[in-house]
Amino acid sequence: MGSLAFAGQAQQADRPTTRLPGQLPADARAVAQPLPSPQPLTKPAGLESAWVLRSILDDLLKDNEKLEPLLAQMNPREWVSHKGASDVYLEQWQVAHTQLKDVIDVSKLLAQKTESMPLALDDYFRLEALEVTSRSLEEGVKRYGDRFTADQLGGLIARNFSRRERFRDYIRDLATSSEVNFKLADEEAQRCRGIISKEPVKRAKK
């Protein structure tokens, strides 16, 4: 009986394995495993969505548009000619008009390209520069202008500062997101490069 069982096992070992059409041998299937899918580029938690940024920019735009009539209520030429103010206030008043126009233009562009780091930084620094000029004019209007305009300008600057802080947080998260995505893309490139380097080189037949 033992010899018969052994003979049966030997016959099964010698028998060729039946494969379905198109099916690879077992050893080939072990080698031809599918490559893992690439890692998706993700954004870190906390990155503000595009509509939230547009909301921040919309609030900033509304505040900045209110600055125009406040600038119109100031009369730095009269401060200089009749009240002994420095002509620096006149220069700053003129600069403020230009800064305000540039801030509005860049903010509108950023609202269309919410993940553009250069535009976000450009807008932020223009807002910061406009705030510096506005604070100086606030001091001037307190001394040489009317108190009502000074109070309105002070309130506008305070609201703008708070919203600009949210804008700064968005830029920080955007920078983190860009760094993470770059790292993931680099790791994916290294992974693919490693897989390709292990593939056998096909040589031309002589």
N, C-alpha and C. Protein backbone atom coordinates (compact mmCIF):
# COMPACT_ATOMS: atom_id res chain seq x y z
N MET A 1 0.83 -1.20 0.00
CA MET A 1 0.00 0.00 0.00
C MET A 1 0.86 1.24 0.00
N GLY A 2 1.97 1.21 0.78
CA GLY A 2 2.83 2.39 0.85
C GLY A 2 3.45 2.71 -0.48
N SER A 3 3.83 1.64 -1.23
CA SER A 3 4.45 1.87 -2.54
C SER A 3 3.44 2.42 -3.53
N LEU A 4 2.15 1.98 -3.43
CA LEU A 4 1.13 2.49 -4.33
C LEU A 4 0.87 3.96 -4.07
N ALA A 5 0.80 4.37 -2.81
CA ALA A 5 0.56 5.79 -2.48
C ALA A 5 1.69 6.65 -2.97
N PHE A 6 2.91 6.15 -2.83
CA PHE A 6 4.07 6.92 -3.28
C PHE A 6 4.04 7.10 -4.79
N ALA A 7 3.65 6.02 -5.48
CA ALA A 7 3.59 6.08 -6.95
C ALA A 7 2.53 7.08 -7.39
N GLY A 8 1.39 7.12 -6.67
CA GLY A 8 0.33 8.08 -7.03
C GLY A 8 0.78 9.51 -6.86
N GLN A 9 1.53 9.76 -5.79
CA GLN A 9 2.04 11.13 -5.57
C GLN A 9 3.04 11.50 -6.64
N ALA A 10 3.85 10.57 -7.06
CA ALA A 10 4.85 10.85 -8.09
C ALA A 10 4.18 11.17 -9.40
N GLN A 11 3.07 10.44 -9.72
CA GLN A 11 2.34 10.72 -10.96
C GLN A 11 1.74 12.11 -10.95
N GLN A 12 1.19 12.52 -9.77
CA GLN A 12 0.61 13.87 -9.67
C GLN A 12 1.68 14.94 -9.83
N ALA A 13 2.89 14.70 -9.29
CA ALA A 13 3.97 15.68 -9.40
C ALA A 13 4.43 15.82 -10.83
N ASP A 14 4.42 14.69 -11.59
CA ASP A 14 4.89 14.74 -12.98
C ASP A 14 3.84 15.30 -13.91
N ARG A 15 2.57 15.34 -13.47
CA ARG A 15 1.49 15.78 -14.35
C ARG A 15 1.59 17.29 -14.57
N PRO A 16 1.56 17.81 -15.81
CA PRO A 16 1.64 19.26 -16.06
C PRO A 16 0.43 19.99 -15.50
N THR A 17 0.67 21.16 -14.98
CA THR A 17 -0.40 21.97 -14.39
C THR A 17 -1.25 22.60 -15.49
N THR A 18 -2.55 22.47 -15.39
CA THR A 18 -3.45 23.03 -16.39
C THR A 18 -3.70 24.51 -16.08
N ARG A 19 -3.49 25.42 -17.07
CA ARG A 19 -3.70 26.86 -16.89
C ARG A 19 -4.80 27.33 -17.82
N LEU A 20 -5.56 28.27 -17.38
CA LEU A 20 -6.57 28.89 -18.24
C LEU A 20 -5.88 29.74 -19.28
N PRO A 21 -6.54 29.99 -20.43
CA PRO A 21 -5.94 30.85 -21.47
C PRO A 21 -5.63 32.24 -20.90
N GLY A 22 -4.41 32.71 -21.15
CA GLY A 22 -4.02 34.04 -20.70
C GLY A 22 -3.54 34.09 -19.27
N GLN A 23 -3.59 32.96 -18.54
CA GLN A 23 -3.16 32.93 -17.13
C GLN A 23 -1.67 32.69 -17.08
N LEU A 24 -0.96 33.48 -16.24
CA LEU A 24 0.47 33.35 -16.09
C LEU A 24 0.81 32.18 -15.19
N PRO A 25 1.99 31.58 -15.36
CA PRO A 25 2.43 30.55 -14.41
C PRO A 25 2.51 31.11 -13.00
N ALA A 26 2.54 30.22 -12.01
CA ALA A 26 2.54 30.66 -10.60
C ALA A 26 3.75 31.49 -10.28
N ASP A 27 4.93 31.05 -10.80
CA ASP A 27 6.15 31.81 -10.49
C ASP A 27 6.13 33.17 -11.16
N ALA A 28 5.52 33.28 -12.35
CA ALA A 28 5.44 34.57 -13.04
C ALA A 28 4.48 35.49 -12.33
N ARG A 29 3.35 34.89 -11.79
CA ARG A 29 2.40 35.73 -11.06
C ARG A 29 3.03 36.30 -9.81
N ALA A 30 3.93 35.55 -9.20
CA ALA A 30 4.58 36.04 -7.99
C ALA A 30 5.45 37.24 -8.28
N VAL A 31 6.05 37.25 -9.51
CA VAL A 31 6.92 38.36 -9.87
C VAL A 31 6.11 39.55 -10.37
N ALA A 32 5.08 39.26 -11.19
CA ALA A 32 4.33 40.34 -11.84
C ALA A 32 3.23 40.86 -10.95
N GLN A 33 3.56 41.26 -9.76
CA GLN A 33 2.58 41.88 -8.86
C GLN A 33 2.31 43.31 -9.30
N PRO A 34 1.08 43.79 -9.21
CA PRO A 34 0.79 45.17 -9.61
C PRO A 34 1.51 46.17 -8.71
N LEU A 35 1.97 47.26 -9.31
CA LEU A 35 2.65 48.30 -8.54
C LEU A 35 1.66 49.02 -7.64
N PRO A 36 2.08 49.40 -6.45
CA PRO A 36 1.17 50.15 -5.57
C PRO A 36 0.82 51.49 -6.19
N SER A 37 -0.42 51.89 -5.98
CA SER A 37 -0.86 53.17 -6.55
C SER A 37 -0.13 54.31 -5.87
N PRO A 38 0.15 55.40 -6.60
CA PRO A 38 0.87 56.53 -6.01
C PRO A 38 0.07 57.18 -4.89
N GLN A 39 0.80 57.72 -3.93
CA GLN A 39 0.16 58.40 -2.80
C GLN A 39 -0.48 59.70 -3.28
N PRO A 40 -1.74 59.94 -2.94
CA PRO A 40 -2.36 61.21 -3.33
C PRO A 40 -1.76 62.36 -2.55
N LEU A 41 -1.67 63.53 -3.21
CA LEU A 41 -1.19 64.73 -2.54
C LEU A 41 -2.31 65.27 -1.68
N THR A 42 -2.06 65.40 -0.40
CA THR A 42 -3.09 65.80 0.53
C THR A 42 -2.76 67.14 1.15
N LYS A 43 -3.79 67.78 1.65
CA LYS A 43 -3.62 69.03 2.36
C LYS A 43 -3.71 68.77 3.86
N PRO A 44 -2.84 69.39 4.64
CA PRO A 44 -2.90 69.18 6.08
C PRO A 44 -4.19 69.73 6.65
N ALA A 45 -4.60 69.14 7.78
CA ALA A 45 -5.82 69.62 8.44
C ALA A 45 -5.66 71.08 8.82
N GLY A 46 -6.72 71.84 8.67
CA GLY A 46 -6.68 73.24 9.07
C GLY A 46 -6.53 74.19 7.91
N LEU A 47 -6.18 73.67 6.72
CA LEU A 47 -6.03 74.58 5.58
C LEU A 47 -7.41 75.11 5.20
N GLU A 48 -7.55 76.42 5.22
CA GLU A 48 -8.83 77.04 4.91
C GLU A 48 -9.22 76.71 3.47
N SER A 49 -10.50 76.45 3.25
CA SER A 49 -10.96 76.19 1.90
C SER A 49 -11.00 77.49 1.10
N ALA A 50 -11.13 77.33 -0.21
CA ALA A 50 -11.09 78.50 -1.10
C ALA A 50 -12.21 79.48 -0.78
N TRP A 51 -13.39 78.96 -0.45
CA TRP A 51 -14.52 79.88 -0.21
C TRP A 51 -14.32 80.65 1.08
N VAL A 52 -13.61 80.04 2.07
CA VAL A 52 -13.33 80.77 3.30
C VAL A 52 -12.36 81.91 3.03
N LEU A 53 -11.33 81.65 2.22
CA LEU A 53 -10.41 82.72 1.86
C LEU A 53 -11.13 83.83 1.12
N ARG A 54 -12.03 83.47 0.21
CA ARG A 54 -12.77 84.48 -0.52
C ARG A 54 -13.62 85.32 0.43
N SER A 55 -14.13 84.67 1.48
CA SER A 55 -14.90 85.40 2.49
C SER A 55 -14.01 86.40 3.22
N ILE A 56 -12.79 85.98 3.58
CA ILE A 56 -11.84 86.88 4.24
C ILE A 56 -11.50 88.05 3.33
N LEU A 57 -11.20 87.74 2.08
CA LEU A 57 -10.85 88.80 1.12
C LEU A 57 -12.02 89.74 0.88
N ASP A 58 -13.23 89.18 0.86
CA ASP A 58 -14.41 90.02 0.65
C ASP A 58 -14.58 91.01 1.80
N ASP A 59 -14.36 90.54 3.03
CA ASP A 59 -14.44 91.44 4.19
C ASP A 59 -13.36 92.52 4.13
N LEU A 60 -12.16 92.11 3.74
CA LEU A 60 -11.07 93.08 3.62
C LEU A 60 -11.36 94.11 2.54
N LEU A 61 -11.92 93.63 1.43
CA LEU A 61 -12.25 94.55 0.34
C LEU A 61 -13.31 95.56 0.76
N LYS A 62 -14.32 95.07 1.49
CA LYS A 62 -15.37 95.99 1.94
C LYS A 62 -14.80 97.07 2.86
N ASP A 63 -13.90 96.65 3.76
CA ASP A 63 -13.29 97.62 4.66
C ASP A 63 -12.41 98.61 3.89
N ASN A 64 -11.64 98.07 2.96
CA ASN A 64 -10.73 98.94 2.21
C ASN A 64 -11.49 99.92 1.32
N GLU A 65 -12.63 99.47 0.81
CA GLU A 65 -13.44 100.39 0.00
C GLU A 65 -14.01 101.52 0.85
N LYS A 66 -14.19 101.27 2.14
CA LYS A 66 -14.66 102.32 3.05
C LYS A 66 -13.55 103.33 3.34
N LEU A 67 -12.31 102.93 3.06
CA LEU A 67 -11.19 103.84 3.32
C LEU A 67 -11.18 105.00 2.33
N GLU A 68 -11.65 104.76 1.12
CA GLU A 68 -11.63 105.82 0.09
C GLU A 68 -12.39 107.07 0.52
N PRO A 69 -13.65 106.97 0.98
CA PRO A 69 -14.34 108.19 1.42
C PRO A 69 -13.68 108.84 2.64
N LEU A 70 -13.04 108.04 3.51
CA LEU A 70 -12.34 108.62 4.65
C LEU A 70 -11.13 109.44 4.19
N LEU A 71 -10.44 108.93 3.20
CA LEU A 71 -9.32 109.70 2.64
C LEU A 71 -9.82 111.00 2.01
N ALA A 72 -11.00 110.92 1.38
CA ALA A 72 -11.56 112.11 0.75
C ALA A 72 -11.95 113.18 1.77
N GLN A 73 -12.29 112.74 3.00
CA GLN A 73 -12.66 113.70 4.05
C GLN A 73 -11.45 114.43 4.63
N MET A 74 -10.26 113.89 4.40
CA MET A 74 -9.05 114.53 4.92
C MET A 74 -8.59 115.64 3.97
N ASN A 75 -7.95 116.63 4.52
CA ASN A 75 -7.43 117.73 3.71
C ASN A 75 -6.00 118.06 4.17
N PRO A 76 -5.05 117.18 3.84
CA PRO A 76 -3.68 117.40 4.31
C PRO A 76 -3.04 118.67 3.74
N ARG A 77 -3.52 119.13 2.59
CA ARG A 77 -2.96 120.38 2.06
C ARG A 77 -3.26 121.54 3.02
N GLU A 78 -4.47 121.52 3.57
CA GLU A 78 -4.83 122.56 4.54
C GLU A 78 -4.04 122.38 5.84
N TRP A 79 -3.79 121.12 6.23
CA TRP A 79 -3.00 120.89 7.43
C TRP A 79 -1.62 121.54 7.29
N VAL A 80 -1.04 121.36 6.10
CA VAL A 80 0.33 121.86 5.87
C VAL A 80 0.33 123.38 5.75
N SER A 81 -0.60 123.91 4.96
CA SER A 81 -0.56 125.35 4.65
C SER A 81 -1.10 126.23 5.78
N HIS A 82 -2.05 125.74 6.58
CA HIS A 82 -2.69 126.59 7.58
C HIS A 82 -2.48 126.12 9.03
N LYS A 83 -2.09 124.86 9.23
CA LYS A 83 -2.01 124.37 10.60
C LYS A 83 -0.61 123.91 10.99
N GLY A 84 0.34 124.14 10.12
CA GLY A 84 1.74 123.84 10.45
C GLY A 84 2.11 122.37 10.44
N ALA A 85 1.32 121.53 9.79
CA ALA A 85 1.63 120.10 9.73
C ALA A 85 2.78 119.83 8.77
N SER A 86 3.45 118.75 8.97
CA SER A 86 4.53 118.35 8.07
C SER A 86 3.95 117.95 6.71
N ASP A 87 4.70 118.26 5.66
CA ASP A 87 4.24 117.89 4.32
C ASP A 87 4.33 116.37 4.09
N VAL A 88 4.88 115.65 5.06
CA VAL A 88 4.91 114.18 4.98
C VAL A 88 3.48 113.63 4.95
N TYR A 89 2.58 114.31 5.67
CA TYR A 89 1.18 113.84 5.67
C TYR A 89 0.57 113.93 4.28
N LEU A 90 0.92 114.96 3.53
CA LEU A 90 0.41 115.10 2.17
C LEU A 90 0.94 113.97 1.28
N GLU A 91 2.22 113.64 1.46
CA GLU A 91 2.81 112.55 0.68
C GLU A 91 2.17 111.22 1.04
N GLN A 92 1.96 111.00 2.32
CA GLN A 92 1.34 109.75 2.76
C GLN A 92 -0.10 109.63 2.27
N TRP A 93 -0.80 110.74 2.25
CA TRP A 93 -2.18 110.75 1.77
C TRP A 93 -2.23 110.34 0.30
N GLN A 94 -1.28 110.84 -0.48
CA GLN A 94 -1.21 110.48 -1.90
C GLN A 94 -0.80 109.01 -2.07
N VAL A 95 0.16 108.57 -1.26
CA VAL A 95 0.59 107.17 -1.32
C VAL A 95 -0.55 106.23 -0.94
N ALA A 96 -1.36 106.61 0.04
CA ALA A 96 -2.46 105.78 0.49
C ALA A 96 -3.45 105.48 -0.63
N HIS A 97 -3.70 106.48 -1.48
CA HIS A 97 -4.60 106.25 -2.63
C HIS A 97 -4.05 105.16 -3.55
N THR A 98 -2.75 105.25 -3.83
CA THR A 98 -2.13 104.25 -4.71
C THR A 98 -2.12 102.87 -4.06
N GLN A 99 -1.75 102.82 -2.78
CA GLN A 99 -1.73 101.54 -2.06
C GLN A 99 -3.11 100.91 -2.02
N LEU A 100 -4.13 101.71 -1.81
CA LEU A 100 -5.49 101.19 -1.73
C LEU A 100 -5.91 100.57 -3.05
N LYS A 101 -5.62 101.23 -4.15
CA LYS A 101 -5.96 100.70 -5.47
C LYS A 101 -5.23 99.38 -5.73
N ASP A 102 -3.95 99.32 -5.37
CA ASP A 102 -3.16 98.10 -5.60
C ASP A 102 -3.69 96.94 -4.76
N VAL A 103 -4.05 97.21 -3.50
CA VAL A 103 -4.57 96.17 -2.62
C VAL A 103 -5.86 95.59 -3.19
N ILE A 104 -6.74 96.44 -3.64
CA ILE A 104 -8.02 95.98 -4.20
C ILE A 104 -7.79 95.12 -5.45
N ASP A 105 -6.88 95.56 -6.33
CA ASP A 105 -6.60 94.80 -7.55
C ASP A 105 -6.00 93.43 -7.25
N VAL A 106 -5.01 93.38 -6.35
CA VAL A 106 -4.36 92.11 -6.04
C VAL A 106 -5.31 91.17 -5.30
N SER A 107 -6.15 91.72 -4.42
CA SER A 107 -7.12 90.88 -3.69
C SER A 107 -8.10 90.23 -4.65
N LYS A 108 -8.52 90.93 -5.67
CA LYS A 108 -9.44 90.36 -6.65
C LYS A 108 -8.77 89.24 -7.45
N LEU A 109 -7.49 89.42 -7.76
CA LEU A 109 -6.75 88.36 -8.46
C LEU A 109 -6.60 87.12 -7.57
N LEU A 110 -6.29 87.34 -6.30
CA LEU A 110 -6.11 86.22 -5.38
C LEU A 110 -7.42 85.46 -5.17
N ALA A 111 -8.54 86.15 -5.20
CA ALA A 111 -9.84 85.49 -5.05
C ALA A 111 -10.08 84.49 -6.18
N GLN A 112 -9.42 84.71 -7.32
CA GLN A 112 -9.55 83.79 -8.46
C GLN A 112 -8.51 82.68 -8.41
N LYS A 113 -7.38 82.93 -7.73
CA LYS A 113 -6.29 81.95 -7.63
C LYS A 113 -5.93 81.78 -6.16
N THR A 114 -6.79 81.12 -5.42
CA THR A 114 -6.67 81.09 -3.96
C THR A 114 -5.45 80.32 -3.45
N GLU A 115 -4.83 79.48 -4.29
CA GLU A 115 -3.68 78.71 -3.83
C GLU A 115 -2.37 79.26 -4.38
N SER A 116 -2.39 80.48 -4.87
CA SER A 116 -1.17 81.11 -5.38
C SER A 116 -0.41 81.76 -4.22
N MET A 117 0.70 81.16 -3.83
CA MET A 117 1.50 81.71 -2.74
C MET A 117 2.07 83.10 -3.08
N PRO A 118 2.61 83.32 -4.30
CA PRO A 118 3.12 84.67 -4.61
C PRO A 118 2.05 85.75 -4.49
N LEU A 119 0.84 85.47 -4.99
CA LEU A 119 -0.24 86.45 -4.90
C LEU A 119 -0.65 86.69 -3.44
N ALA A 120 -0.71 85.60 -2.66
CA ALA A 120 -1.11 85.73 -1.26
C ALA A 120 -0.12 86.59 -0.48
N LEU A 121 1.16 86.34 -0.69
CA LEU A 121 2.19 87.14 -0.01
C LEU A 121 2.17 88.59 -0.48
N ASP A 122 2.00 88.78 -1.77
CA ASP A 122 1.94 90.13 -2.32
C ASP A 122 0.78 90.91 -1.70
N ASP A 123 -0.37 90.27 -1.64
CA ASP A 123 -1.55 90.92 -1.07
C ASP A 123 -1.34 91.24 0.41
N TYR A 124 -0.78 90.28 1.13
CA TYR A 124 -0.59 90.47 2.58
C TYR A 124 0.34 91.66 2.86
N PHE A 125 1.46 91.71 2.16
CA PHE A 125 2.42 92.79 2.42
C PHE A 125 1.87 94.15 1.96
N ARG A 126 1.05 94.14 0.92
CA ARG A 126 0.42 95.41 0.51
C ARG A 126 -0.58 95.87 1.56
N LEU A 127 -1.33 94.93 2.13
CA LEU A 127 -2.25 95.28 3.22
C LEU A 127 -1.49 95.83 4.42
N GLU A 128 -0.36 95.21 4.71
CA GLU A 128 0.46 95.66 5.84
C GLU A 128 0.97 97.07 5.62
N ALA A 129 1.46 97.34 4.40
CA ALA A 129 1.97 98.67 4.08
C ALA A 129 0.87 99.72 4.15
N LEU A 130 -0.32 99.35 3.65
CA LEU A 130 -1.45 100.27 3.71
C LEU A 130 -1.84 100.58 5.15
N GLU A 131 -1.74 99.59 6.03
CA GLU A 131 -2.05 99.82 7.44
C GLU A 131 -1.06 100.81 8.07
N VAL A 132 0.21 100.67 7.75
CA VAL A 132 1.23 101.58 8.30
C VAL A 132 0.92 103.02 7.88
N THR A 133 0.60 103.20 6.60
CA THR A 133 0.28 104.53 6.10
C THR A 133 -1.00 105.07 6.76
N SER A 134 -2.00 104.19 6.90
CA SER A 134 -3.27 104.61 7.50
C SER A 134 -3.11 105.03 8.96
N ARG A 135 -2.27 104.31 9.69
CA ARG A 135 -2.04 104.66 11.10
C ARG A 135 -1.38 106.03 11.23
N SER A 136 -0.46 106.31 10.32
CA SER A 136 0.18 107.62 10.35
C SER A 136 -0.82 108.72 10.03
N LEU A 137 -1.69 108.48 9.05
CA LEU A 137 -2.71 109.46 8.71
C LEU A 137 -3.72 109.62 9.84
N GLU A 138 -3.96 108.52 10.58
CA GLU A 138 -4.86 108.62 11.73
C GLU A 138 -4.31 109.61 12.76
N GLU A 139 -3.00 109.55 12.99
CA GLU A 139 -2.38 110.50 13.92
C GLU A 139 -2.52 111.94 13.39
N GLY A 140 -2.35 112.08 12.06
CA GLY A 140 -2.47 113.41 11.47
C GLY A 140 -3.87 113.98 11.58
N VAL A 141 -4.88 113.15 11.31
CA VAL A 141 -6.25 113.65 11.33
C VAL A 141 -6.71 113.93 12.77
N LYS A 142 -6.12 113.21 13.73
CA LYS A 142 -6.42 113.50 15.13
C LYS A 142 -5.91 114.90 15.52
N ARG A 143 -4.76 115.24 15.02
CA ARG A 143 -4.13 116.51 15.41
C ARG A 143 -4.64 117.69 14.58
N TYR A 144 -4.87 117.43 13.28
CA TYR A 144 -5.16 118.57 12.40
C TYR A 144 -6.54 118.48 11.73
N GLY A 145 -7.19 117.34 11.84
CA GLY A 145 -8.50 117.20 11.21
C GLY A 145 -9.62 117.11 12.22
N ASP A 146 -10.68 116.39 11.84
CA ASP A 146 -11.83 116.28 12.75
C ASP A 146 -11.81 114.92 13.45
N ARG A 147 -12.34 114.92 14.65
CA ARG A 147 -12.31 113.73 15.49
C ARG A 147 -13.15 112.61 14.92
N PHE A 148 -14.26 112.93 14.29
CA PHE A 148 -15.16 111.91 13.75
C PHE A 148 -14.43 111.06 12.71
N THR A 149 -13.73 111.71 11.79
CA THR A 149 -12.98 110.98 10.76
C THR A 149 -11.89 110.14 11.39
N ALA A 150 -11.22 110.66 12.41
CA ALA A 150 -10.16 109.92 13.09
C ALA A 150 -10.71 108.65 13.74
N ASP A 151 -11.88 108.76 14.39
CA ASP A 151 -12.48 107.60 15.04
C ASP A 151 -12.89 106.54 14.02
N GLN A 152 -13.47 106.99 12.92
CA GLN A 152 -13.86 106.04 11.87
C GLN A 152 -12.64 105.32 11.29
N LEU A 153 -11.58 106.07 11.06
CA LEU A 153 -10.36 105.47 10.52
C LEU A 153 -9.75 104.49 11.51
N GLY A 154 -9.76 104.83 12.80
CA GLY A 154 -9.23 103.93 13.81
C GLY A 154 -9.99 102.63 13.89
N GLY A 155 -11.32 102.69 13.82
CA GLY A 155 -12.14 101.48 13.84
C GLY A 155 -11.90 100.62 12.61
N LEU A 156 -11.72 101.26 11.47
CA LEU A 156 -11.48 100.53 10.23
C LEU A 156 -10.14 99.81 10.29
N ILE A 157 -9.12 100.48 10.82
CA ILE A 157 -7.80 99.87 10.95
C ILE A 157 -7.85 98.65 11.87
N ALA A 158 -8.59 98.77 12.98
CA ALA A 158 -8.70 97.66 13.94
C ALA A 158 -9.37 96.45 13.31
N ARG A 159 -10.46 96.66 12.56
CA ARG A 159 -11.15 95.54 11.90
C ARG A 159 -10.25 94.91 10.85
N ASN A 160 -9.57 95.75 10.12
CA ASN A 160 -8.67 95.26 9.08
C ASN A 160 -7.56 94.41 9.66
N PHE A 161 -7.04 94.83 10.82
CA PHE A 161 -5.96 94.08 11.46
C PHE A 161 -6.44 92.68 11.85
N SER A 162 -7.62 92.58 12.42
CA SER A 162 -8.17 91.29 12.84
C SER A 162 -8.36 90.35 11.65
N ARG A 163 -8.86 90.89 10.57
CA ARG A 163 -9.08 90.07 9.38
C ARG A 163 -7.76 89.70 8.70
N ARG A 164 -6.81 90.61 8.80
CA ARG A 164 -5.50 90.31 8.22
C ARG A 164 -4.80 89.19 8.99
N GLU A 165 -5.10 89.05 10.30
CA GLU A 165 -4.55 87.96 11.08
C GLU A 165 -5.08 86.61 10.57
N ARG A 166 -6.36 86.55 10.22
CA ARG A 166 -6.93 85.33 9.63
C ARG A 166 -6.28 85.05 8.28
N PHE A 167 -6.04 86.11 7.54
CA PHE A 167 -5.39 85.97 6.25
C PHE A 167 -3.97 85.42 6.42
N ARG A 168 -3.28 85.89 7.44
CA ARG A 168 -1.92 85.41 7.73
C ARG A 168 -1.95 83.92 8.06
N ASP A 169 -2.95 83.48 8.84
CA ASP A 169 -3.07 82.07 9.17
C ASP A 169 -3.28 81.23 7.92
N TYR A 170 -4.07 81.75 6.99
CA TYR A 170 -4.29 81.04 5.73
C TYR A 170 -2.97 80.88 4.97
N ILE A 171 -2.18 81.94 4.90
CA ILE A 171 -0.90 81.89 4.19
C ILE A 171 0.03 80.87 4.84
N ARG A 172 0.04 80.82 6.18
CA ARG A 172 0.89 79.87 6.89
C ARG A 172 0.48 78.43 6.55
N ASP A 173 -0.84 78.16 6.54
CA ASP A 173 -1.31 76.82 6.20
C ASP A 173 -1.05 76.49 4.74
N LEU A 174 -1.15 77.50 3.88
CA LEU A 174 -0.87 77.28 2.46
C LEU A 174 0.59 76.91 2.26
N ALA A 175 1.49 77.57 3.00
CA ALA A 175 2.91 77.25 2.91
C ALA A 175 3.18 75.83 3.39
N THR A 176 2.51 75.42 4.48
CA THR A 176 2.65 74.05 4.99
C THR A 176 2.15 73.04 3.98
N SER A 177 1.01 73.34 3.36
CA SER A 177 0.45 72.45 2.35
C SER A 177 1.39 72.29 1.17
N SER A 178 1.98 73.38 0.71
CA SER A 178 2.90 73.32 -0.43
C SER A 178 4.12 72.49 -0.09
N GLU A 179 4.62 72.63 1.15
CA GLU A 179 5.79 71.87 1.58
C GLU A 179 5.48 70.38 1.65
N VAL A 180 4.31 70.04 2.20
CA VAL A 180 3.91 68.63 2.31
C VAL A 180 3.74 68.02 0.93
N ASN A 181 3.06 68.74 0.03
CA ASN A 181 2.85 68.22 -1.32
C ASN A 181 4.16 68.03 -2.07
N PHE A 182 5.10 68.95 -1.86
CA PHE A 182 6.40 68.81 -2.51
C PHE A 182 7.12 67.57 -1.99
N LYS A 183 7.04 67.33 -0.67
CA LYS A 183 7.69 66.17 -0.07
C LYS A 183 7.07 64.88 -0.59
N LEU A 184 5.72 64.83 -0.67
CA LEU A 184 5.05 63.64 -1.18
C LEU A 184 5.40 63.39 -2.64
N ALA A 185 5.44 64.47 -3.43
CA ALA A 185 5.79 64.33 -4.85
C ALA A 185 7.23 63.82 -5.01
N ASP A 186 8.14 64.32 -4.16
CA ASP A 186 9.53 63.88 -4.22
C ASP A 186 9.64 62.41 -3.83
N GLU A 187 8.93 61.99 -2.77
CA GLU A 187 8.96 60.59 -2.35
C GLU A 187 8.39 59.69 -3.45
N GLU A 188 7.34 60.13 -4.10
CA GLU A 188 6.73 59.35 -5.18
C GLU A 188 7.71 59.21 -6.35
N ALA A 189 8.41 60.30 -6.66
CA ALA A 189 9.40 60.26 -7.74
C ALA A 189 10.53 59.29 -7.40
N GLN A 190 10.99 59.31 -6.14
CA GLN A 190 12.05 58.39 -5.72
C GLN A 190 11.57 56.94 -5.79
N ARG A 191 10.32 56.70 -5.40
CA ARG A 191 9.77 55.35 -5.44
C ARG A 191 9.72 54.82 -6.87
N CYS A 192 9.21 55.66 -7.78
CA CYS A 192 9.13 55.25 -9.19
C CYS A 192 10.51 55.05 -9.78
N ARG A 193 11.44 55.91 -9.41
CA ARG A 193 12.81 55.79 -9.91
C ARG A 193 13.43 54.47 -9.44
N GLY A 194 13.14 54.10 -8.18
CA GLY A 194 13.66 52.85 -7.65
C GLY A 194 13.08 51.64 -8.36
N ILE A 195 11.78 51.67 -8.68
CA ILE A 195 11.14 50.56 -9.39
C ILE A 195 11.72 50.41 -10.78
N ILE A 196 11.89 51.54 -11.47
CA ILE A 196 12.42 51.50 -12.84
C ILE A 196 13.84 50.97 -12.86
N SER A 197 14.64 51.37 -11.84
CA SER A 197 16.04 50.94 -11.81
C SER A 197 16.17 49.44 -11.60
N LYS A 198 15.15 48.78 -11.03
CA LYS A 198 15.21 47.34 -10.78
C LYS A 198 14.71 46.54 -11.97
N GLU A 199 14.11 47.18 -12.94
CA GLU A 199 13.61 46.45 -14.11
C GLU A 199 14.77 45.99 -14.98
N PRO A 200 14.71 44.76 -15.54
CA PRO A 200 15.80 44.29 -16.40
C PRO A 200 15.92 45.14 -17.66
N VAL A 201 17.14 45.38 -18.06
CA VAL A 201 17.40 46.18 -19.27
C VAL A 201 17.26 45.31 -20.48
N LYS A 202 16.43 45.72 -21.41
CA LYS A 202 16.26 44.98 -22.66
C LYS A 202 17.39 45.33 -23.61
N ARG A 203 18.11 44.31 -24.05
CA ARG A 203 19.23 44.51 -24.97
C ARG A 203 18.80 44.19 -26.39
N ALA A 204 19.30 44.95 -27.31
CA ALA A 204 18.94 44.72 -28.72
C ALA A 204 19.53 43.41 -29.20
N LYS A 205 18.76 42.69 -29.98
CA LYS A 205 19.24 41.42 -30.54
C LYS A 205 20.21 41.71 -31.67
N LYS A 206 21.33 40.95 -31.67
CA LYS A 206 22.34 41.13 -32.73
C LYS A 206 21.94 40.31 -33.96
